[in-house]
Amino acid sequence: MTTNATVDEASEQQLEEQFLELLEHYRGQKGSLVPLLQGAQAIFGYLPENVMRRVAEGADEPLSKALGVATFYSQFRLKPHAKNTIRCCHGTACHVSGAKRVSEEVEKYLGIEAGENTADMLYTIEEVHCVGACGMAPVVMINDRAHGKLTPEKAVEVVKAFRAEIEGDVARATGNGSGGADGEPAGAGSTEETEA
């Protein structure tokens, strides 16, 4: 019989083995800091402090430089990131179309602010400068799916619908049908324009 503790220990062991392989692969290579940071984040999902220290050591760089690089580039995360990312666009077109109110309502609905995760680690809200869908402003993206021409109320409805899809997919995955993978509903990755 396998307990959760045993599974967690095995998973941690696998992550550590992958990380050691990554460190070994880049050992002694100049300019390895960014690829080491990318690889470590791919393994752990973010860059915890102990991993940052080991990456800096592996790249033969001071920790301050590793932290500087990790905080400069938006691709790096120093804290855990939830499974699904809700990006509220605040580019010029979205800004003048009411992005602030859209963001505030989504934050209120989920009970978190931009940059935070929900307690169940299912959602992170990010405020971004542009998602490249200015003609649909204001826009909210959930993972890779864009939703546009939103009012604050419609933005909350989009998030509610996404949650319902996830819950339905979980039910189907447990024997009632099939759905999306990795906590994302079937059909994710599309672009949708919500009627105004």
C-alpha atoms as a PDB file:
ATOM      1  CA  MET A   1       0.000   0.000   0.000  1.00  0.00           C
ATOM      2  CA  THR A   2       1.345   3.412  -0.998  1.00  0.00           C
ATOM      3  CA  THR A   3       0.683   6.366   1.277  1.00  0.00           C
ATOM      4  CA  ASN A   4       0.600  10.016   0.225  1.00  0.00           C
ATOM      5  CA  ALA A   5       3.806  10.580   2.198  1.00  0.00           C
ATOM      6  CA  THR A   6       5.537   7.827   0.216  1.00  0.00           C
ATOM      7  CA  VAL A   7       4.282   9.271  -3.080  1.00  0.00           C
ATOM      8  CA  ASP A   8       5.388  12.777  -2.050  1.00  0.00           C
ATOM      9  CA  GLU A   9       8.834  11.480  -1.066  1.00  0.00           C
ATOM     10  CA  ALA A  10       9.151   9.656  -4.393  1.00  0.00           C
ATOM     11  CA  SER A  11       8.094  12.785  -6.276  1.00  0.00           C
ATOM     12  CA  GLU A  12      10.572  14.920  -4.346  1.00  0.00           C
ATOM     13  CA  GLN A  13      13.296  12.366  -5.082  1.00  0.00           C
ATOM     14  CA  GLN A  14      12.492  12.499  -8.810  1.00  0.00           C
ATOM     15  CA  LEU A  15      12.566  16.303  -8.819  1.00  0.00           C
ATOM     16  CA  GLU A  16      15.893  16.298  -6.997  1.00  0.00           C
ATOM     17  CA  GLU A  17      17.346  13.804  -9.484  1.00  0.00           C
ATOM     18  CA  GLN A  18      16.202  15.947 -12.425  1.00  0.00           C
ATOM     19  CA  PHE A  19      17.691  19.028 -10.778  1.00  0.00           C
ATOM     20  CA  LEU A  20      21.030  17.298 -10.185  1.00  0.00           C
ATOM     21  CA  GLU A  21      21.084  16.250 -13.855  1.00  0.00           C
ATOM     22  CA  LEU A  22      20.415  19.859 -14.867  1.00  0.00           C
ATOM     23  CA  LEU A  23      23.217  21.174 -12.646  1.00  0.00           C
ATOM     24  CA  GLU A  24      25.595  18.558 -14.011  1.00  0.00           C
ATOM     25  CA  HIS A  25      24.656  19.353 -17.625  1.00  0.00           C
ATOM     26  CA  TYR A  26      25.653  23.015 -17.205  1.00  0.00           C
ATOM     27  CA  ARG A  27      28.609  22.489 -14.862  1.00  0.00           C
ATOM     28  CA  GLY A  28      31.497  24.773 -15.846  1.00  0.00           C
ATOM     29  CA  GLN A  29      29.669  26.404 -18.771  1.00  0.00           C
ATOM     30  CA  LYS A  30      29.883  30.172 -19.037  1.00  0.00           C
ATOM     31  CA  GLY A  31      26.559  31.929 -19.463  1.00  0.00           C
ATOM     32  CA  SER A  32      24.604  29.099 -17.867  1.00  0.00           C
ATOM     33  CA  LEU A  33      22.660  31.182 -15.342  1.00  0.00           C
ATOM     34  CA  VAL A  34      19.523  31.786 -17.434  1.00  0.00           C
ATOM     35  CA  PRO A  35      19.243  28.207 -18.749  1.00  0.00           C
ATOM     36  CA  LEU A  36      19.754  26.916 -15.199  1.00  0.00           C
ATOM     37  CA  LEU A  37      17.013  29.209 -13.897  1.00  0.00           C
ATOM     38  CA  GLN A  38      14.698  28.130 -16.728  1.00  0.00           C
ATOM     39  CA  GLY A  39      15.428  24.464 -16.150  1.00  0.00           C
ATOM     40  CA  ALA A  40      15.013  24.704 -12.383  1.00  0.00           C
ATOM     41  CA  GLN A  41      11.681  26.482 -12.773  1.00  0.00           C
ATOM     42  CA  ALA A  42      10.525  23.848 -15.265  1.00  0.00           C
ATOM     43  CA  ILE A  43      11.338  21.181 -12.679  1.00  0.00           C
ATOM     44  CA  PHE A  44       9.931  22.815  -9.530  1.00  0.00           C
ATOM     45  CA  GLY A  45       7.308  25.163 -11.015  1.00  0.00           C
ATOM     46  CA  TYR A  46       8.981  28.173  -9.398  1.00  0.00           C
ATOM     47  CA  LEU A  47      12.343  29.137  -7.894  1.00  0.00           C
ATOM     48  CA  PRO A  48      12.396  28.612  -4.122  1.00  0.00           C
ATOM     49  CA  GLU A  49      15.281  30.130  -2.141  1.00  0.00           C
ATOM     50  CA  ASN A  50      17.218  26.888  -1.684  1.00  0.00           C
ATOM     51  CA  VAL A  51      17.021  26.214  -5.433  1.00  0.00           C
ATOM     52  CA  MET A  52      18.176  29.777  -6.207  1.00  0.00           C
ATOM     53  CA  ARG A  53      21.225  29.255  -3.990  1.00  0.00           C
ATOM     54  CA  ARG A  54      22.106  26.004  -5.732  1.00  0.00           C
ATOM     55  CA  VAL A  55      21.562  27.511  -9.208  1.00  0.00           C
ATOM     56  CA  ALA A  56      23.847  30.443  -8.368  1.00  0.00           C
ATOM     57  CA  GLU A  57      26.480  28.036  -7.090  1.00  0.00           C
ATOM     58  CA  GLY A  58      26.087  25.820 -10.180  1.00  0.00           C
ATOM     59  CA  ALA A  59      26.492  28.829 -12.482  1.00  0.00           C
ATOM     60  CA  ASP A  60      29.455  30.047 -10.432  1.00  0.00           C
ATOM     61  CA  GLU A  61      27.689  33.370  -9.876  1.00  0.00           C
ATOM     62  CA  PRO A  62      26.844  35.265  -6.699  1.00  0.00           C
ATOM     63  CA  LEU A  63      23.315  34.745  -5.363  1.00  0.00           C
ATOM     64  CA  SER A  64      22.665  38.468  -5.826  1.00  0.00           C
ATOM     65  CA  LYS A  65      23.212  38.127  -9.583  1.00  0.00           C
ATOM     66  CA  ALA A  66      20.923  35.081  -9.802  1.00  0.00           C
ATOM     67  CA  LEU A  67      18.219  36.949  -7.876  1.00  0.00           C
ATOM     68  CA  GLY A  68      18.729  40.017 -10.049  1.00  0.00           C
ATOM     69  CA  VAL A  69      18.194  37.998 -13.218  1.00  0.00           C
ATOM     70  CA  ALA A  70      15.223  36.109 -11.765  1.00  0.00           C
ATOM     71  CA  THR A  71      13.487  39.313 -10.699  1.00  0.00           C
ATOM     72  CA  PHE A  72      14.289  41.201 -13.916  1.00  0.00           C
ATOM     73  CA  TYR A  73      12.715  38.711 -16.326  1.00  0.00           C
ATOM     74  CA  SER A  74       8.962  38.228 -15.947  1.00  0.00           C
ATOM     75  CA  GLN A  75       9.204  34.562 -16.942  1.00  0.00           C
ATOM     76  CA  PHE A  76      10.685  33.652 -13.551  1.00  0.00           C
ATOM     77  CA  ARG A  77       8.611  33.097 -10.413  1.00  0.00           C
ATOM     78  CA  LEU A  78       9.994  33.181  -6.879  1.00  0.00           C
ATOM     79  CA  LYS A  79       6.830  31.828  -5.309  1.00  0.00           C
ATOM     80  CA  PRO A  80       4.473  28.998  -6.276  1.00  0.00           C
ATOM     81  CA  HIS A  81       2.137  29.644  -9.186  1.00  0.00           C
ATOM     82  CA  ALA A  82      -1.392  28.267  -9.383  1.00  0.00           C
ATOM     83  CA  LYS A  83      -2.518  25.810 -12.039  1.00  0.00           C
ATOM     84  CA  ASN A  84      -4.589  28.333 -14.032  1.00  0.00           C
ATOM     85  CA  THR A  85      -3.525  31.893 -14.845  1.00  0.00           C
ATOM     86  CA  ILE A  86      -6.017  34.698 -15.300  1.00  0.00           C
ATOM     87  CA  ARG A  87      -4.326  37.610 -17.086  1.00  0.00           C
ATOM     88  CA  CYS A  88      -6.150  40.928 -16.942  1.00  0.00           C
ATOM     89  CA  CYS A  89      -4.856  43.138 -19.723  1.00  0.00           C
ATOM     90  CA  HIS A  90      -4.030  46.732 -18.787  1.00  0.00           C
ATOM     91  CA  GLY A  91      -2.606  47.864 -22.130  1.00  0.00           C
ATOM     92  CA  THR A  92      -3.741  51.214 -23.520  1.00  0.00           C
ATOM     93  CA  ALA A  93      -6.823  49.924 -25.372  1.00  0.00           C
ATOM     94  CA  CYS A  94      -7.936  47.831 -22.390  1.00  0.00           C
ATOM     95  CA  HIS A  95      -7.141  50.622 -19.938  1.00  0.00           C
ATOM     96  CA  VAL A  96      -9.367  53.156 -21.697  1.00  0.00           C
ATOM     97  CA  SER A  97     -12.088  50.487 -22.046  1.00  0.00           C
ATOM     98  CA  GLY A  98     -12.374  49.820 -18.304  1.00  0.00           C
ATOM     99  CA  ALA A  99      -9.674  47.244 -17.500  1.00  0.00           C
ATOM    100  CA  LYS A 100      -9.293  48.521 -13.938  1.00  0.00           C
ATOM    101  CA  ARG A 101     -12.933  47.772 -13.092  1.00  0.00           C
ATOM    102  CA  VAL A 102     -12.723  44.389 -14.839  1.00  0.00           C
ATOM    103  CA  SER A 103      -9.658  43.448 -12.770  1.00  0.00           C
ATOM    104  CA  GLU A 104     -11.224  44.642  -9.542  1.00  0.00           C
ATOM    105  CA  GLU A 105     -14.330  42.507 -10.063  1.00  0.00           C
ATOM    106  CA  VAL A 106     -12.342  39.367 -10.957  1.00  0.00           C
ATOM    107  CA  GLU A 107     -10.147  39.918  -7.890  1.00  0.00           C
ATOM    108  CA  LYS A 108     -13.218  40.433  -5.708  1.00  0.00           C
ATOM    109  CA  TYR A 109     -14.874  37.282  -7.068  1.00  0.00           C
ATOM    110  CA  LEU A 110     -11.803  35.091  -6.450  1.00  0.00           C
ATOM    111  CA  GLY A 111     -10.932  36.798  -3.162  1.00  0.00           C
ATOM    112  CA  ILE A 112      -7.336  37.544  -4.176  1.00  0.00           C
ATOM    113  CA  GLU A 113      -5.370  40.415  -5.664  1.00  0.00           C
ATOM    114  CA  ALA A 114      -3.142  40.425  -8.728  1.00  0.00           C
ATOM    115  CA  GLY A 115       0.020  38.441  -8.042  1.00  0.00           C
ATOM    116  CA  GLU A 116      -1.677  36.129  -5.551  1.00  0.00           C
ATOM    117  CA  ASN A 117      -2.904  32.526  -5.731  1.00  0.00           C
ATOM    118  CA  THR A 118      -6.223  31.181  -4.510  1.00  0.00           C
ATOM    119  CA  ALA A 119      -5.893  28.957  -1.429  1.00  0.00           C
ATOM    120  CA  ASP A 120      -6.678  25.855  -3.519  1.00  0.00           C
ATOM    121  CA  MET A 121      -3.820  26.790  -5.920  1.00  0.00           C
ATOM    122  CA  LEU A 122      -6.163  26.695  -8.902  1.00  0.00           C
ATOM    123  CA  TYR A 123      -5.978  30.387  -9.890  1.00  0.00           C
ATOM    124  CA  THR A 124      -3.419  33.171 -10.093  1.00  0.00           C
ATOM    125  CA  ILE A 125      -4.356  36.650 -11.268  1.00  0.00           C
ATOM    126  CA  GLU A 126      -1.797  38.660 -13.211  1.00  0.00           C
ATOM    127  CA  GLU A 127      -2.054  42.209 -14.499  1.00  0.00           C
ATOM    128  CA  VAL A 128      -0.254  42.366 -17.846  1.00  0.00           C
ATOM    129  CA  HIS A 129       0.645  45.249 -20.137  1.00  0.00           C
ATOM    130  CA  CYS A 130      -0.745  43.796 -23.377  1.00  0.00           C
ATOM    131  CA  VAL A 131      -2.053  40.463 -24.634  1.00  0.00           C
ATOM    132  CA  GLY A 132      -2.136  41.539 -28.286  1.00  0.00           C
ATOM    133  CA  ALA A 133      -5.920  41.523 -28.656  1.00  0.00           C
ATOM    134  CA  CYS A 134      -6.566  45.274 -28.608  1.00  0.00           C
ATOM    135  CA  GLY A 135      -9.567  45.024 -30.936  1.00  0.00           C
ATOM    136  CA  MET A 136     -11.363  42.993 -28.252  1.00  0.00           C
ATOM    137  CA  ALA A 137     -10.627  45.382 -25.352  1.00  0.00           C
ATOM    138  CA  PRO A 138     -11.005  44.986 -22.468  1.00  0.00           C
ATOM    139  CA  VAL A 139      -9.543  41.477 -22.481  1.00  0.00           C
ATOM    140  CA  VAL A 140      -9.045  38.779 -19.868  1.00  0.00           C
ATOM    141  CA  MET A 141      -7.096  35.654 -20.718  1.00  0.00           C
ATOM    142  CA  ILE A 142      -7.583  32.416 -18.847  1.00  0.00           C
ATOM    143  CA  ASN A 143      -4.534  30.319 -19.612  1.00  0.00           C
ATOM    144  CA  ASP A 144      -4.315  30.584 -23.437  1.00  0.00           C
ATOM    145  CA  ARG A 145      -7.950  31.521 -24.058  1.00  0.00           C
ATOM    146  CA  ALA A 146      -8.787  35.201 -24.639  1.00  0.00           C
ATOM    147  CA  HIS A 147     -12.150  36.685 -23.691  1.00  0.00           C
ATOM    148  CA  GLY A 148     -12.908  40.166 -24.952  1.00  0.00           C
ATOM    149  CA  LYS A 149     -15.303  43.090 -24.992  1.00  0.00           C
ATOM    150  CA  LEU A 150     -15.908  42.460 -21.300  1.00  0.00           C
ATOM    151  CA  THR A 151     -17.770  44.397 -18.689  1.00  0.00           C
ATOM    152  CA  PRO A 152     -16.792  43.734 -15.075  1.00  0.00           C
ATOM    153  CA  GLU A 153     -19.876  41.532 -14.700  1.00  0.00           C
ATOM    154  CA  LYS A 154     -19.174  39.589 -17.908  1.00  0.00           C
ATOM    155  CA  ALA A 155     -15.574  39.012 -16.809  1.00  0.00           C
ATOM    156  CA  VAL A 156     -16.809  37.375 -13.603  1.00  0.00           C
ATOM    157  CA  GLU A 157     -19.254  35.262 -15.641  1.00  0.00           C
ATOM    158  CA  VAL A 158     -16.343  34.088 -17.847  1.00  0.00           C
ATOM    159  CA  VAL A 159     -14.374  33.019 -14.755  1.00  0.00           C
ATOM    160  CA  LYS A 160     -17.448  31.286 -13.307  1.00  0.00           C
ATOM    161  CA  ALA A 161     -17.971  29.405 -16.589  1.00  0.00           C
ATOM    162  CA  PHE A 162     -14.335  28.328 -16.629  1.00  0.00           C
ATOM    163  CA  ARG A 163     -14.638  27.052 -13.056  1.00  0.00           C
ATOM    164  CA  ALA A 164     -17.759  25.093 -14.010  1.00  0.00           C
ATOM    165  CA  GLU A 165     -15.907  23.543 -16.971  1.00  0.00           C
ATOM    166  CA  ILE A 166     -13.046  22.473 -14.714  1.00  0.00           C
ATOM    167  CA  GLU A 167     -15.410  20.946 -12.185  1.00  0.00           C
ATOM    168  CA  GLY A 168     -17.226  19.133 -15.007  1.00  0.00           C
ATOM    169  CA  ASP A 169     -13.941  17.877 -16.448  1.00  0.00           C
ATOM    170  CA  VAL A 170     -12.866  16.569 -13.053  1.00  0.00           C
ATOM    171  CA  ALA A 171     -16.162  14.683 -12.799  1.00  0.00           C
ATOM    172  CA  ARG A 172     -15.736  13.258 -16.312  1.00  0.00           C
ATOM    173  CA  ALA A 173     -12.118  12.273 -15.589  1.00  0.00           C
ATOM    174  CA  THR A 174     -13.295  10.260 -12.600  1.00  0.00           C
ATOM    175  CA  GLY A 175     -15.570   8.122 -14.722  1.00  0.00           C
ATOM    176  CA  ASN A 176     -18.312  10.297 -16.137  1.00  0.00           C
ATOM    177  CA  GLY A 177     -16.711  11.101 -19.530  1.00  0.00           C
ATOM    178  CA  SER A 178     -13.595  12.857 -20.795  1.00  0.00           C
ATOM    179  CA  GLY A 179     -12.409  16.429 -20.674  1.00  0.00           C
ATOM    180  CA  GLY A 180      -9.313  18.588 -20.724  1.00  0.00           C
ATOM    181  CA  ALA A 181      -5.986  17.773 -19.159  1.00  0.00           C
ATOM    182  CA  ASP A 182      -3.979  19.429 -16.399  1.00  0.00           C
ATOM    183  CA  GLY A 183      -6.901  21.291 -14.831  1.00  0.00           C
ATOM    184  CA  GLU A 184      -7.830  23.019 -18.071  1.00  0.00           C
ATOM    185  CA  PRO A 185     -11.191  22.455 -19.721  1.00  0.00           C
ATOM    186  CA  ALA A 186     -11.583  20.741 -23.060  1.00  0.00           C
ATOM    187  CA  GLY A 187     -11.300  23.239 -25.900  1.00  0.00           C
ATOM    188  CA  ALA A 188      -8.931  25.533 -24.023  1.00  0.00           C
ATOM    189  CA  GLY A 189      -6.488  27.510 -26.094  1.00  0.00           C
ATOM    190  CA  SER A 190      -9.151  29.191 -28.226  1.00  0.00           C
ATOM    191  CA  THR A 191     -10.053  32.854 -28.519  1.00  0.00           C
ATOM    192  CA  GLU A 192     -13.525  33.978 -27.631  1.00  0.00           C
ATOM    193  CA  GLU A 193     -15.176  37.330 -28.007  1.00  0.00           C
ATOM    194  CA  THR A 194     -17.932  37.892 -25.494  1.00  0.00           C
ATOM    195  CA  GLU A 195     -20.923  39.744 -26.884  1.00  0.00           C
ATOM    196  CA  ALA A 196     -21.219  43.297 -25.574  1.00  0.00           C
END
